[in-house]
Amino acid sequence: MMSEPAKSRRPGELLFALLLVVFSVSAFWQSYLISGFSGKATPGVFPMLAAGIMVVSGLMILLSAARMPKKHDDKSCFFVEVLSFNHVVLIVLVFGYVILMPVLGFVISSGLFLFCSFQFLWRKNPLVILALTAVTLAVIYIIFREVFQIFLPQGRF
């Protein structure tokens, strides 16, 4: 019978697990601020329960990741596996989207973000990407604006 190779920690896995715990604790605190432990039927009970499960799960993941040996000592593995060129470009596009939202509004900034993301990742004919962007944006707009009746940011222009 063949034995399985020992599982090793991937680059960035321990940091991600730690950030997961920090986010979970923050979510638990924010849900506690809704109504505290004042009753079983208060608005904050379900968010606290969900965030509590996230904290416990995050701690289990963190402990599991901390016990595993490192995959490589080479720091360049992080940039190859976690922070690749595609990831950096998409992070820049997301930051641009967040910055442009108050200025251009939801429809224009989302359309630009979707078009640029689809074009970068898919690299097809720009007319196909434009059509896909328009259909996607229309579906998102109808769901959020018409079905859920959420007011989407208009922007200054």
Protein backbone atom coordinates (compact mmCIF):
# COMPACT_ATOMS: atom_id res chain seq x y z
CA MET A 1 0.00 0.00 0.00
CA MET A 2 1.40 3.39 -0.99
CA SER A 3 1.59 6.08 1.64
CA GLU A 4 0.35 9.56 0.88
CA PRO A 5 2.95 12.33 0.72
CA ALA A 6 3.00 14.60 3.77
CA LYS A 7 0.80 17.65 3.30
CA SER A 8 2.69 20.92 3.39
CA ARG A 9 1.66 24.53 3.89
CA ARG A 10 1.35 26.57 0.73
CA PRO A 11 2.82 30.07 0.46
CA GLY A 12 0.58 32.64 2.16
CA GLU A 13 -1.69 30.02 3.74
CA LEU A 14 -0.79 30.88 7.33
CA LEU A 15 -1.23 34.63 6.74
CA PHE A 16 -4.57 34.03 5.04
CA ALA A 17 -5.76 31.87 7.94
CA LEU A 18 -4.73 34.58 10.40
CA LEU A 19 -6.58 37.23 8.40
CA LEU A 20 -9.61 34.95 8.31
CA VAL A 21 -9.62 34.80 12.12
CA VAL A 22 -9.18 38.58 12.42
CA PHE A 23 -12.04 39.18 9.99
CA SER A 24 -14.25 36.65 11.80
CA VAL A 25 -13.62 38.23 15.21
CA SER A 26 -14.35 41.65 13.71
CA ALA A 27 -17.60 40.34 12.21
CA PHE A 28 -18.56 38.83 15.57
CA TRP A 29 -17.90 42.15 17.32
CA GLN A 30 -19.92 44.08 14.74
CA SER A 31 -22.82 41.64 15.07
CA TYR A 32 -22.63 41.91 18.88
CA LEU A 33 -22.99 45.70 18.56
CA ILE A 34 -26.36 45.22 16.83
CA SER A 35 -28.15 44.14 20.01
CA GLY A 36 -25.69 42.33 22.27
CA PHE A 37 -26.84 39.27 24.21
CA SER A 38 -30.12 40.89 25.24
CA GLY A 39 -32.40 38.09 24.04
CA LYS A 40 -32.84 35.01 21.84
CA ALA A 41 -35.00 36.82 19.28
CA THR A 42 -32.99 40.04 18.91
CA PRO A 43 -31.72 41.18 15.50
CA GLY A 44 -28.07 40.40 16.32
CA VAL A 45 -28.55 36.73 17.26
CA PHE A 46 -28.26 35.20 13.79
CA PRO A 47 -25.27 37.38 12.76
CA MET A 48 -23.53 36.53 16.05
CA LEU A 49 -24.20 32.83 15.52
CA ALA A 50 -22.85 32.94 11.97
CA ALA A 51 -19.80 34.99 13.01
CA GLY A 52 -19.20 32.66 15.97
CA ILE A 53 -19.10 29.70 13.59
CA MET A 54 -16.68 31.69 11.41
CA VAL A 55 -14.40 32.35 14.43
CA VAL A 56 -14.33 28.69 15.46
CA SER A 57 -13.76 27.53 11.88
CA GLY A 58 -11.07 30.15 11.32
CA LEU A 59 -9.23 29.10 14.48
CA MET A 60 -9.35 25.46 13.39
CA ILE A 61 -7.96 26.38 9.98
CA LEU A 62 -5.26 28.56 11.55
CA LEU A 63 -4.16 25.77 13.91
CA SER A 64 -4.16 23.25 11.09
CA ALA A 65 -2.07 25.53 8.87
CA ALA A 66 0.37 26.32 11.68
CA ARG A 67 1.03 22.60 12.25
CA MET A 68 1.91 21.90 8.62
CA PRO A 69 5.51 22.18 7.45
CA LYS A 70 6.33 24.85 4.88
CA LYS A 71 6.21 23.79 1.25
CA HIS A 72 9.25 25.85 0.26
CA ASP A 73 11.55 28.30 1.91
CA ASP A 74 11.73 30.27 -1.33
CA LYS A 75 9.89 33.61 -1.04
CA SER A 76 9.40 33.73 -4.81
CA CYS A 77 6.81 30.93 -4.54
CA PHE A 78 4.45 33.45 -2.94
CA PHE A 79 4.62 35.64 -6.04
CA VAL A 80 4.20 32.69 -8.39
CA GLU A 81 1.31 30.97 -6.59
CA VAL A 82 -0.50 33.76 -4.72
CA LEU A 83 0.39 37.16 -6.10
CA SER A 84 0.65 36.41 -9.82
CA PHE A 85 0.40 39.05 -12.54
CA ASN A 86 -3.28 38.24 -13.15
CA HIS A 87 -4.08 38.72 -9.47
CA VAL A 88 -2.26 42.06 -9.35
CA VAL A 89 -4.12 43.32 -12.43
CA LEU A 90 -7.49 42.28 -10.97
CA ILE A 91 -6.67 43.90 -7.62
CA VAL A 92 -5.83 47.13 -9.46
CA LEU A 93 -9.11 46.89 -11.40
CA VAL A 94 -11.07 46.39 -8.15
CA PHE A 95 -9.38 49.40 -6.53
CA GLY A 96 -10.12 51.46 -9.63
CA TYR A 97 -13.75 50.33 -9.47
CA VAL A 98 -14.04 51.36 -5.81
CA ILE A 99 -12.45 54.75 -6.51
CA LEU A 100 -14.59 55.45 -9.59
CA MET A 101 -17.92 54.36 -8.08
CA PRO A 102 -18.67 57.66 -6.25
CA VAL A 103 -17.54 59.68 -9.25
CA LEU A 104 -19.11 57.81 -12.19
CA GLY A 105 -21.90 55.95 -10.43
CA PHE A 106 -22.79 52.29 -10.34
CA VAL A 107 -23.73 51.70 -13.97
CA ILE A 108 -20.73 53.33 -15.66
CA SER A 109 -18.08 52.16 -13.16
CA SER A 110 -19.49 48.61 -13.12
CA GLY A 111 -19.61 48.54 -16.89
CA LEU A 112 -15.98 49.68 -17.13
CA PHE A 113 -14.90 47.19 -14.49
CA LEU A 114 -16.72 44.27 -16.12
CA PHE A 115 -15.50 45.15 -19.62
CA CYS A 116 -11.86 45.52 -18.53
CA SER A 117 -11.97 42.36 -16.40
CA PHE A 118 -13.64 40.24 -19.08
CA GLN A 119 -11.28 41.55 -21.75
CA PHE A 120 -8.17 40.94 -19.64
CA LEU A 121 -9.17 37.45 -18.52
CA TRP A 122 -10.93 36.17 -21.63
CA ARG A 123 -9.11 38.08 -24.44
CA LYS A 124 -11.90 37.73 -27.02
CA ASN A 125 -13.31 40.10 -29.62
CA PRO A 126 -14.11 43.43 -27.90
CA LEU A 127 -17.63 43.39 -29.40
CA VAL A 128 -18.32 40.02 -27.77
CA ILE A 129 -16.96 41.37 -24.48
CA LEU A 130 -19.10 44.51 -24.85
CA ALA A 131 -22.23 42.40 -25.41
CA LEU A 132 -21.40 40.18 -22.43
CA THR A 133 -20.79 43.27 -20.29
CA ALA A 134 -24.12 44.82 -21.33
CA VAL A 135 -26.10 41.65 -20.60
CA THR A 136 -24.36 41.10 -17.26
CA LEU A 137 -24.85 44.71 -16.22
CA ALA A 138 -28.52 44.65 -17.24
CA VAL A 139 -29.14 41.49 -15.19
CA ILE A 140 -27.34 42.95 -12.16
CA TYR A 141 -29.24 46.24 -12.50
CA ILE A 142 -32.63 44.55 -12.79
CA ILE A 143 -31.99 42.26 -9.82
CA PHE A 144 -30.70 44.96 -7.48
CA ARG A 145 -32.71 48.00 -8.62
CA GLU A 146 -36.02 46.50 -9.65
CA VAL A 147 -36.33 43.27 -7.64
CA PHE A 148 -34.61 44.25 -4.38
CA GLN A 149 -35.32 47.98 -4.88
CA ILE A 150 -31.82 49.02 -3.81
CA PHE A 151 -30.79 52.53 -4.75
CA LEU A 152 -27.55 52.27 -6.65
CA PRO A 153 -24.95 55.07 -6.47
CA GLN A 154 -25.50 57.71 -9.16
CA GLY A 155 -22.10 59.41 -9.07
CA ARG A 156 -21.30 63.04 -9.68
CA PHE A 157 -21.51 62.81 -13.46
